[in-house]
């Protein structure tokens, strides 16, 4: 994945938080950073519930990170 979609450490944390349901605010991730990932197409925000979810692109990026780490 690093060759095609380089993600910052913060972006990787956002993917993990979104996938696991951990509050982004609890780990110091700002709403602006979350918006940025939504604009990039990795996550979506449900305004009604306030929840974030991975998109297909976000899920693929997270799986690639896990694969690179030998965890899949």
C-alpha atoms as a PDB file:
ATOM      1  CA  UNK A   1       0.000   0.000   0.000  1.00  0.00           C
ATOM      2  CA  UNK A   2       2.801   2.432   0.754  1.00  0.00           C
ATOM      3  CA  UNK A   3       3.625   2.570  -2.951  1.00  0.00           C
ATOM      4  CA  UNK A   4       0.150   3.600  -4.080  1.00  0.00           C
ATOM      5  CA  UNK A   5      -1.564   5.282  -1.124  1.00  0.00           C
ATOM      6  CA  UNK A   6       0.830   6.725   1.425  1.00  0.00           C
ATOM      7  CA  UNK A   7      -1.090   7.551   4.584  1.00  0.00           C
ATOM      8  CA  UNK A   8       0.159   9.560   7.530  1.00  0.00           C
ATOM      9  CA  UNK A   9       0.218   8.024  10.991  1.00  0.00           C
ATOM     10  CA  UNK A  10      -2.814  10.143  11.903  1.00  0.00           C
ATOM     11  CA  UNK A  11      -4.737   8.908   8.860  1.00  0.00           C
ATOM     12  CA  UNK A  12      -3.935   5.319   9.804  1.00  0.00           C
ATOM     13  CA  UNK A  13      -5.177   5.941  13.349  1.00  0.00           C
ATOM     14  CA  UNK A  14      -8.384   7.385  11.909  1.00  0.00           C
ATOM     15  CA  UNK A  15      -8.946   4.197   9.921  1.00  0.00           C
ATOM     16  CA  UNK A  16      -8.355   2.023  12.998  1.00  0.00           C
ATOM     17  CA  UNK A  17     -10.602   4.198  15.186  1.00  0.00           C
ATOM     18  CA  UNK A  18     -13.380   4.182  12.615  1.00  0.00           C
ATOM     19  CA  UNK A  19     -13.171   0.432  12.090  1.00  0.00           C
ATOM     20  CA  UNK A  20     -13.211  -0.338  15.804  1.00  0.00           C
ATOM     21  CA  UNK A  21     -15.672   2.309  16.957  1.00  0.00           C
ATOM     22  CA  UNK A  22     -13.147   4.151  19.124  1.00  0.00           C
ATOM     23  CA  UNK A  23     -13.976   7.841  19.537  1.00  0.00           C
ATOM     24  CA  UNK A  24     -11.600   9.944  17.460  1.00  0.00           C
ATOM     25  CA  UNK A  25     -11.745  12.699  20.092  1.00  0.00           C
ATOM     26  CA  UNK A  26     -10.604  10.256  22.789  1.00  0.00           C
ATOM     27  CA  UNK A  27      -7.291   9.758  20.979  1.00  0.00           C
ATOM     28  CA  UNK A  28      -6.769  13.390  20.016  1.00  0.00           C
ATOM     29  CA  UNK A  29      -7.997  13.325  16.425  1.00  0.00           C
ATOM     30  CA  UNK A  30      -9.761  16.548  15.480  1.00  0.00           C
ATOM     31  CA  UNK A  31     -13.042  16.859  13.634  1.00  0.00           C
ATOM     32  CA  UNK A  32     -11.101  18.632  10.871  1.00  0.00           C
ATOM     33  CA  UNK A  33      -8.891  15.568  10.381  1.00  0.00           C
ATOM     34  CA  UNK A  34     -11.983  13.371  10.206  1.00  0.00           C
ATOM     35  CA  UNK A  35     -13.486  15.718   7.594  1.00  0.00           C
ATOM     36  CA  UNK A  36     -10.294  15.472   5.579  1.00  0.00           C
ATOM     37  CA  UNK A  37     -10.510  11.682   5.510  1.00  0.00           C
ATOM     38  CA  UNK A  38     -14.164  11.918   4.464  1.00  0.00           C
ATOM     39  CA  UNK A  39     -13.213  14.256   1.610  1.00  0.00           C
ATOM     40  CA  UNK A  40     -10.524  11.783   0.538  1.00  0.00           C
ATOM     41  CA  UNK A  41     -13.225   9.103   0.445  1.00  0.00           C
ATOM     42  CA  UNK A  42     -11.934   6.812   3.207  1.00  0.00           C
ATOM     43  CA  UNK A  43     -14.758   7.385   5.696  1.00  0.00           C
ATOM     44  CA  UNK A  44     -18.333   8.667   5.737  1.00  0.00           C
ATOM     45  CA  UNK A  45     -20.115  10.565   8.493  1.00  0.00           C
ATOM     46  CA  UNK A  46     -23.711   9.978   9.475  1.00  0.00           C
ATOM     47  CA  UNK A  47     -24.823  13.429  10.605  1.00  0.00           C
ATOM     48  CA  UNK A  48     -27.896  12.095  12.328  1.00  0.00           C
ATOM     49  CA  UNK A  49     -26.093   9.636  14.607  1.00  0.00           C
ATOM     50  CA  UNK A  50     -22.670  11.301  14.535  1.00  0.00           C
ATOM     51  CA  UNK A  51     -21.026   7.961  13.723  1.00  0.00           C
ATOM     52  CA  UNK A  52     -18.279   7.423  11.185  1.00  0.00           C
ATOM     53  CA  UNK A  53     -17.924   4.360   8.974  1.00  0.00           C
ATOM     54  CA  UNK A  54     -15.302   3.093   6.560  1.00  0.00           C
ATOM     55  CA  UNK A  55     -16.006   3.305   2.853  1.00  0.00           C
ATOM     56  CA  UNK A  56     -14.873   0.538   0.525  1.00  0.00           C
ATOM     57  CA  UNK A  57     -11.681   2.559  -0.078  1.00  0.00           C
ATOM     58  CA  UNK A  58     -11.120   2.966   3.658  1.00  0.00           C
ATOM     59  CA  UNK A  59     -11.658  -0.731   4.267  1.00  0.00           C
ATOM     60  CA  UNK A  60      -9.218  -1.611   1.461  1.00  0.00           C
ATOM     61  CA  UNK A  61      -6.599   0.773   2.853  1.00  0.00           C
ATOM     62  CA  UNK A  62      -6.959  -0.675   6.348  1.00  0.00           C
ATOM     63  CA  UNK A  63      -6.695  -4.236   5.021  1.00  0.00           C
ATOM     64  CA  UNK A  64      -3.557  -3.243   3.109  1.00  0.00           C
ATOM     65  CA  UNK A  65      -2.030  -1.776   6.280  1.00  0.00           C
ATOM     66  CA  UNK A  66      -2.828  -4.953   8.200  1.00  0.00           C
ATOM     67  CA  UNK A  67      -1.480  -7.068   5.341  1.00  0.00           C
ATOM     68  CA  UNK A  68       1.773  -5.094   5.242  1.00  0.00           C
ATOM     69  CA  UNK A  69       2.120  -5.744   8.969  1.00  0.00           C
ATOM     70  CA  UNK A  70       1.514  -9.476   8.440  1.00  0.00           C
ATOM     71  CA  UNK A  71      -1.754  -9.392  10.392  1.00  0.00           C
ATOM     72  CA  UNK A  72      -4.153 -10.723   7.772  1.00  0.00           C
END
